[in-house]
C-alpha atoms as a PDB file:
ATOM      1  CA  MET A   1     -13.368 -21.731  15.609  1.00  0.00           C
ATOM      2  CA  GLN A   2     -12.662 -23.926  18.649  1.00  0.00           C
ATOM      3  CA  GLU A   3     -10.646 -26.987  17.679  1.00  0.00           C
ATOM      4  CA  ARG A   4     -10.558 -30.205  19.501  1.00  0.00           C
ATOM      5  CA  GLY A   5      -8.846 -33.525  18.957  1.00  0.00           C
ATOM      6  CA  SER A   6     -10.497 -35.736  16.351  1.00  0.00           C
ATOM      7  CA  PRO A   7     -13.098 -37.942  18.072  1.00  0.00           C
ATOM      8  CA  LEU A   8     -12.458 -40.465  15.279  1.00  0.00           C
ATOM      9  CA  ALA A   9      -8.635 -40.693  15.903  1.00  0.00           C
ATOM     10  CA  GLY A  10      -7.595 -44.320  15.821  1.00  0.00           C
ATOM     11  CA  ARG A  11     -11.136 -45.618  14.970  1.00  0.00           C
ATOM     12  CA  THR A  12     -11.871 -47.811  12.085  1.00  0.00           C
ATOM     13  CA  GLY A  13     -14.882 -49.494  10.547  1.00  0.00           C
ATOM     14  CA  ARG A  14     -18.409 -48.185  10.156  1.00  0.00           C
ATOM     15  CA  LEU A  15     -19.440 -45.565  12.718  1.00  0.00           C
ATOM     16  CA  ARG A  16     -22.099 -42.978  13.400  1.00  0.00           C
ATOM     17  CA  VAL A  17     -21.458 -39.310  14.329  1.00  0.00           C
ATOM     18  CA  HIS A  18     -23.831 -36.873  15.754  1.00  0.00           C
ATOM     19  CA  ALA A  19     -22.590 -33.302  15.393  1.00  0.00           C
ATOM     20  CA  ILE A  20     -23.845 -29.807  16.391  1.00  0.00           C
ATOM     21  CA  ALA A  21     -22.452 -26.780  14.551  1.00  0.00           C
ATOM     22  CA  ARG A  22     -22.653 -23.378  16.186  1.00  0.00           C
ATOM     23  CA  GLY A  23     -22.029 -19.963  14.756  1.00  0.00           C
ATOM     24  CA  ARG A  24     -23.465 -18.324  11.622  1.00  0.00           C
ATOM     25  CA  VAL A  25     -24.960 -21.552  10.302  1.00  0.00           C
ATOM     26  CA  GLN A  26     -28.621 -20.944   9.690  1.00  0.00           C
ATOM     27  CA  GLY A  27     -30.054 -19.029   6.789  1.00  0.00           C
ATOM     28  CA  VAL A  28     -26.618 -19.021   4.943  1.00  0.00           C
ATOM     29  CA  GLY A  29     -26.977 -22.184   2.853  1.00  0.00           C
ATOM     30  CA  TYR A  30     -25.122 -24.331   5.394  1.00  0.00           C
ATOM     31  CA  ARG A  31     -27.420 -27.344   5.064  1.00  0.00           C
ATOM     32  CA  SER A  32     -26.896 -27.418   1.274  1.00  0.00           C
ATOM     33  CA  TYR A  33     -23.160 -27.073   1.915  1.00  0.00           C
ATOM     34  CA  VAL A  34     -23.180 -30.052   4.321  1.00  0.00           C
ATOM     35  CA  ASN A  35     -25.281 -32.038   1.887  1.00  0.00           C
ATOM     36  CA  GLY A  36     -22.492 -31.530  -0.689  1.00  0.00           C
ATOM     37  CA  CYS A  37     -19.817 -32.529   1.808  1.00  0.00           C
ATOM     38  CA  ALA A  38     -21.789 -35.745   2.426  1.00  0.00           C
ATOM     39  CA  GLY A  39     -21.966 -36.399  -1.292  1.00  0.00           C
ATOM     40  CA  ARG A  40     -18.254 -35.890  -1.683  1.00  0.00           C
ATOM     41  CA  THR A  41     -17.352 -38.128   1.200  1.00  0.00           C
ATOM     42  CA  GLY A  42     -19.992 -40.814   0.751  1.00  0.00           C
ATOM     43  CA  VAL A  43     -21.589 -40.677   4.180  1.00  0.00           C
ATOM     44  CA  ALA A  44     -25.315 -41.234   4.793  1.00  0.00           C
ATOM     45  CA  GLY A  45     -27.602 -39.459   7.242  1.00  0.00           C
ATOM     46  CA  TYR A  46     -29.205 -35.961   7.495  1.00  0.00           C
ATOM     47  CA  VAL A  47     -28.688 -32.347   8.380  1.00  0.00           C
ATOM     48  CA  ARG A  48     -31.253 -30.020   9.903  1.00  0.00           C
ATOM     49  CA  ASN A  49     -31.686 -26.672  11.690  1.00  0.00           C
ATOM     50  CA  LEU A  50     -32.497 -26.661  15.358  1.00  0.00           C
ATOM     51  CA  PRO A  51     -34.674 -24.126  17.147  1.00  0.00           C
ATOM     52  CA  ASP A  52     -31.705 -22.721  19.139  1.00  0.00           C
ATOM     53  CA  GLY A  53     -29.919 -21.503  16.067  1.00  0.00           C
ATOM     54  CA  THR A  54     -27.548 -24.457  15.742  1.00  0.00           C
ATOM     55  CA  VAL A  55     -27.378 -27.156  12.981  1.00  0.00           C
ATOM     56  CA  GLU A  56     -27.559 -30.903  13.720  1.00  0.00           C
ATOM     57  CA  MET A  57     -25.861 -33.488  11.614  1.00  0.00           C
ATOM     58  CA  VAL A  58     -26.170 -37.322  11.883  1.00  0.00           C
ATOM     59  CA  ALA A  59     -23.918 -39.277   9.587  1.00  0.00           C
ATOM     60  CA  GLU A  60     -22.872 -42.917   9.181  1.00  0.00           C
ATOM     61  CA  GLY A  61     -20.118 -44.374   7.212  1.00  0.00           C
ATOM     62  CA  GLU A  62     -16.490 -45.601   7.300  1.00  0.00           C
ATOM     63  CA  ALA A  63     -14.386 -43.870   9.966  1.00  0.00           C
ATOM     64  CA  SER A  64     -12.100 -42.293   7.277  1.00  0.00           C
ATOM     65  CA  ALA A  65     -15.145 -40.950   5.341  1.00  0.00           C
ATOM     66  CA  LEU A  66     -16.649 -39.554   8.486  1.00  0.00           C
ATOM     67  CA  ALA A  67     -13.375 -37.813   9.374  1.00  0.00           C
ATOM     68  CA  ALA A  68     -13.218 -36.259   5.906  1.00  0.00           C
ATOM     69  CA  PHE A  69     -16.896 -35.245   6.232  1.00  0.00           C
ATOM     70  CA  LEU A  70     -16.339 -33.587   9.661  1.00  0.00           C
ATOM     71  CA  ASP A  71     -13.273 -31.745   8.381  1.00  0.00           C
ATOM     72  CA  GLU A  72     -15.264 -30.419   5.408  1.00  0.00           C
ATOM     73  CA  VAL A  73     -18.309 -29.333   7.346  1.00  0.00           C
ATOM     74  CA  ARG A  74     -16.214 -26.881   9.270  1.00  0.00           C
ATOM     75  CA  ALA A  75     -16.556 -24.692   6.139  1.00  0.00           C
ATOM     76  CA  ARG A  76     -13.253 -23.037   6.514  1.00  0.00           C
ATOM     77  CA  GLY A  77     -12.817 -20.220   3.973  1.00  0.00           C
ATOM     78  CA  GLU A  78     -16.421 -19.873   3.189  1.00  0.00           C
ATOM     79  CA  PRO A  79     -17.408 -16.232   2.883  1.00  0.00           C
ATOM     80  CA  VAL A  80     -20.842 -16.344   4.604  1.00  0.00           C
ATOM     81  CA  ILE A  81     -20.917 -19.509   6.647  1.00  0.00           C
ATOM     82  CA  ALA A  82     -19.028 -19.289   9.948  1.00  0.00           C
ATOM     83  CA  VAL A  83     -18.785 -22.505  12.007  1.00  0.00           C
ATOM     84  CA  GLU A  84     -17.484 -21.348  15.318  1.00  0.00           C
ATOM     85  CA  ASP A  85     -17.777 -24.666  17.170  1.00  0.00           C
ATOM     86  CA  LEU A  86     -18.520 -28.228  16.117  1.00  0.00           C
ATOM     87  CA  THR A  87     -19.254 -30.793  18.874  1.00  0.00           C
ATOM     88  CA  VAL A  88     -19.160 -34.419  17.812  1.00  0.00           C
ATOM     89  CA  GLU A  89     -20.243 -37.615  19.508  1.00  0.00           C
ATOM     90  CA  VAL A  90     -19.346 -41.026  18.068  1.00  0.00           C
ATOM     91  CA  SER A  91     -21.548 -44.200  18.392  1.00  0.00           C
ATOM     92  CA  GLU A  92     -22.287 -47.421  16.607  1.00  0.00           C
ATOM     93  CA  PRO A  93     -24.151 -47.134  13.328  1.00  0.00           C
ATOM     94  CA  THR A  94     -27.802 -48.116  13.092  1.00  0.00           C
ATOM     95  CA  GLY A  95     -27.751 -48.597   9.355  1.00  0.00           C
ATOM     96  CA  GLU A  96     -31.058 -46.658   8.988  1.00  0.00           C
ATOM     97  CA  PHE A  97     -29.802 -44.309   6.187  1.00  0.00           C
ATOM     98  CA  THR A  98     -29.469 -45.146   2.545  1.00  0.00           C
ATOM     99  CA  GLY A  99     -28.406 -41.615   1.465  1.00  0.00           C
ATOM    100  CA  PHE A 100     -27.935 -38.130   2.832  1.00  0.00           C
ATOM    101  CA  GLU A 101     -30.685 -35.448   3.036  1.00  0.00           C
ATOM    102  CA  ALA A 102     -31.026 -31.828   4.088  1.00  0.00           C
ATOM    103  CA  ARG A 103     -34.163 -31.621   6.130  1.00  0.00           C
ATOM    104  CA  PHE A 104     -36.175 -28.396   5.960  1.00  0.00           C
ATOM    105  CA  GLY A 105     -38.756 -26.939   8.269  1.00  0.00           C
ATOM    106  CA  ASP A 106     -41.541 -24.428   7.553  1.00  0.00           C
ATOM    107  CA  ARG A 107     -40.713 -22.802   4.265  1.00  0.00           C
ATOM    108  CA  GLN A 108     -42.285 -19.452   5.172  1.00  0.00           C
ATOM    109  CA  GLU A 109     -40.249 -19.219   8.359  1.00  0.00           C
ATOM    110  CA  GLU A 110     -37.042 -20.258   6.543  1.00  0.00           C
ATOM    111  CA  LEU A 111     -37.634 -17.602   3.876  1.00  0.00           C
ATOM    112  CA  PHE A 112     -38.203 -14.943   6.462  1.00  0.00           C
ATOM    113  CA  LYS A 113     -34.977 -15.854   8.306  1.00  0.00           C
ATOM    114  CA  ARG A 114     -32.944 -15.805   5.033  1.00  0.00           C
ATOM    115  CA  SER A 115     -34.500 -12.496   4.137  1.00  0.00           C
ATOM    116  CA  MET A 116     -33.456 -10.988   7.453  1.00  0.00           C
ATOM    117  CA  LEU A 117     -29.922 -12.312   7.076  1.00  0.00           C
ATOM    118  CA  ALA A 118     -29.706 -10.894   3.536  1.00  0.00           C
ATOM    119  CA  LEU A 119     -30.804  -7.553   4.876  1.00  0.00           C
ATOM    120  CA  ASP A 120     -28.100  -7.680   7.616  1.00  0.00           C
ATOM    121  CA  LEU A 121     -25.470  -8.603   5.096  1.00  0.00           C
ATOM    122  CA  MET A 122     -26.555  -5.826   2.740  1.00  0.00           C
ATOM    123  CA  LYS A 123     -26.378  -3.366   5.642  1.00  0.00           C
ATOM    124  CA  ALA A 124     -22.814  -4.516   6.389  1.00  0.00           C
ATOM    125  CA  VAL A 125     -21.834  -4.068   2.677  1.00  0.00           C
ATOM    126  CA  LEU A 126     -23.310  -0.525   2.578  1.00  0.00           C
ATOM    127  CA  LYS A 127     -21.507   0.473   5.806  1.00  0.00           C
ATOM    128  CA  THR A 128     -18.198  -0.734   4.385  1.00  0.00           C
ATOM    129  CA  GLU A 129     -18.877   1.106   1.164  1.00  0.00           C
ATOM    130  CA  GLN A 130     -19.538   4.302   3.086  1.00  0.00           C
ATOM    131  CA  GLU A 131     -16.284   3.879   5.020  1.00  0.00           C
ATOM    132  CA  ILE A 132     -14.335   3.298   1.810  1.00  0.00           C
ATOM    133  CA  LEU A 133     -15.930   6.390   0.177  1.00  0.00           C
ATOM    134  CA  ALA A 134     -15.066   8.541   3.302  1.00  0.00           C
ATOM    135  CA  GLU A 135     -11.416   7.353   3.085  1.00  0.00           C
ATOM    136  CA  GLN A 136     -11.416   8.080  -0.612  1.00  0.00           C
ATOM    137  CA  ARG A 137     -12.664  11.588   0.007  1.00  0.00           C
ATOM    138  CA  LYS A 138      -9.864  12.164   2.490  1.00  0.00           C
ATOM    139  CA  THR A 139      -7.293  10.776   0.044  1.00  0.00           C
ATOM    140  CA  ASN A 140      -8.620  13.048  -2.724  1.00  0.00           C
ATOM    141  CA  THR A 141      -8.437  16.148  -0.420  1.00  0.00           C
ATOM    142  CA  LEU A 142      -4.757  15.326   0.407  1.00  0.00           C
ATOM    143  CA  LEU A 143      -3.953  14.870  -3.172  1.00  0.00           C
ATOM    144  CA  GLU A 144      -5.520  18.168  -4.132  1.00  0.00           C
ATOM    145  CA  GLU A 145      -3.545  19.911  -1.358  1.00  0.00           C
ATOM    146  CA  CYS A 146      -0.286  18.287  -2.653  1.00  0.00           C
ATOM    147  CA  VAL A 147      -1.094  19.357  -6.251  1.00  0.00           C
ATOM    148  CA  ARG A 148      -1.879  22.971  -5.070  1.00  0.00           C
ATOM    149  CA  ALA A 149       1.352  23.072  -3.008  1.00  0.00           C
ATOM    150  CA  GLY A 150       3.339  21.941  -6.033  1.00  0.00           C
ATOM    151  CA  ARG A 151       2.016  24.726  -8.165  1.00  0.00           C
ATOM    152  CA  ARG A 152       3.228  27.389  -5.717  1.00  0.00           C
END
């Protein structure tokens, strides 16, 4: 993931961030993940999918809480989510949020996208399984040859 200097470095007080996450961030539970990050850090705002495949976050809170939030939403170590880039703009808070929410679009379209991602992930798992089985067959053949050579 592309790293940049913290846009909140040296900032204090209440602020607002507008962030766009790029990568494998739609159809993988990322909005729910971000919602959890907001709950842990105490920021208010929303997260939603955008039509171009990115995810938008708007959050308000203390600078230190926002810095922790932005660090968490990078989802390092998550097995399915892959945030490749996170662009962040900082501005003055509006005070319009009382909590944090994950905003969802058309449920049928969302279900279709998640189903397609699940299918792609299953194909990747099956391909890996086939590769492992092929290697195991090669190893078994070599072991059998070694055993036969030891009997001679």
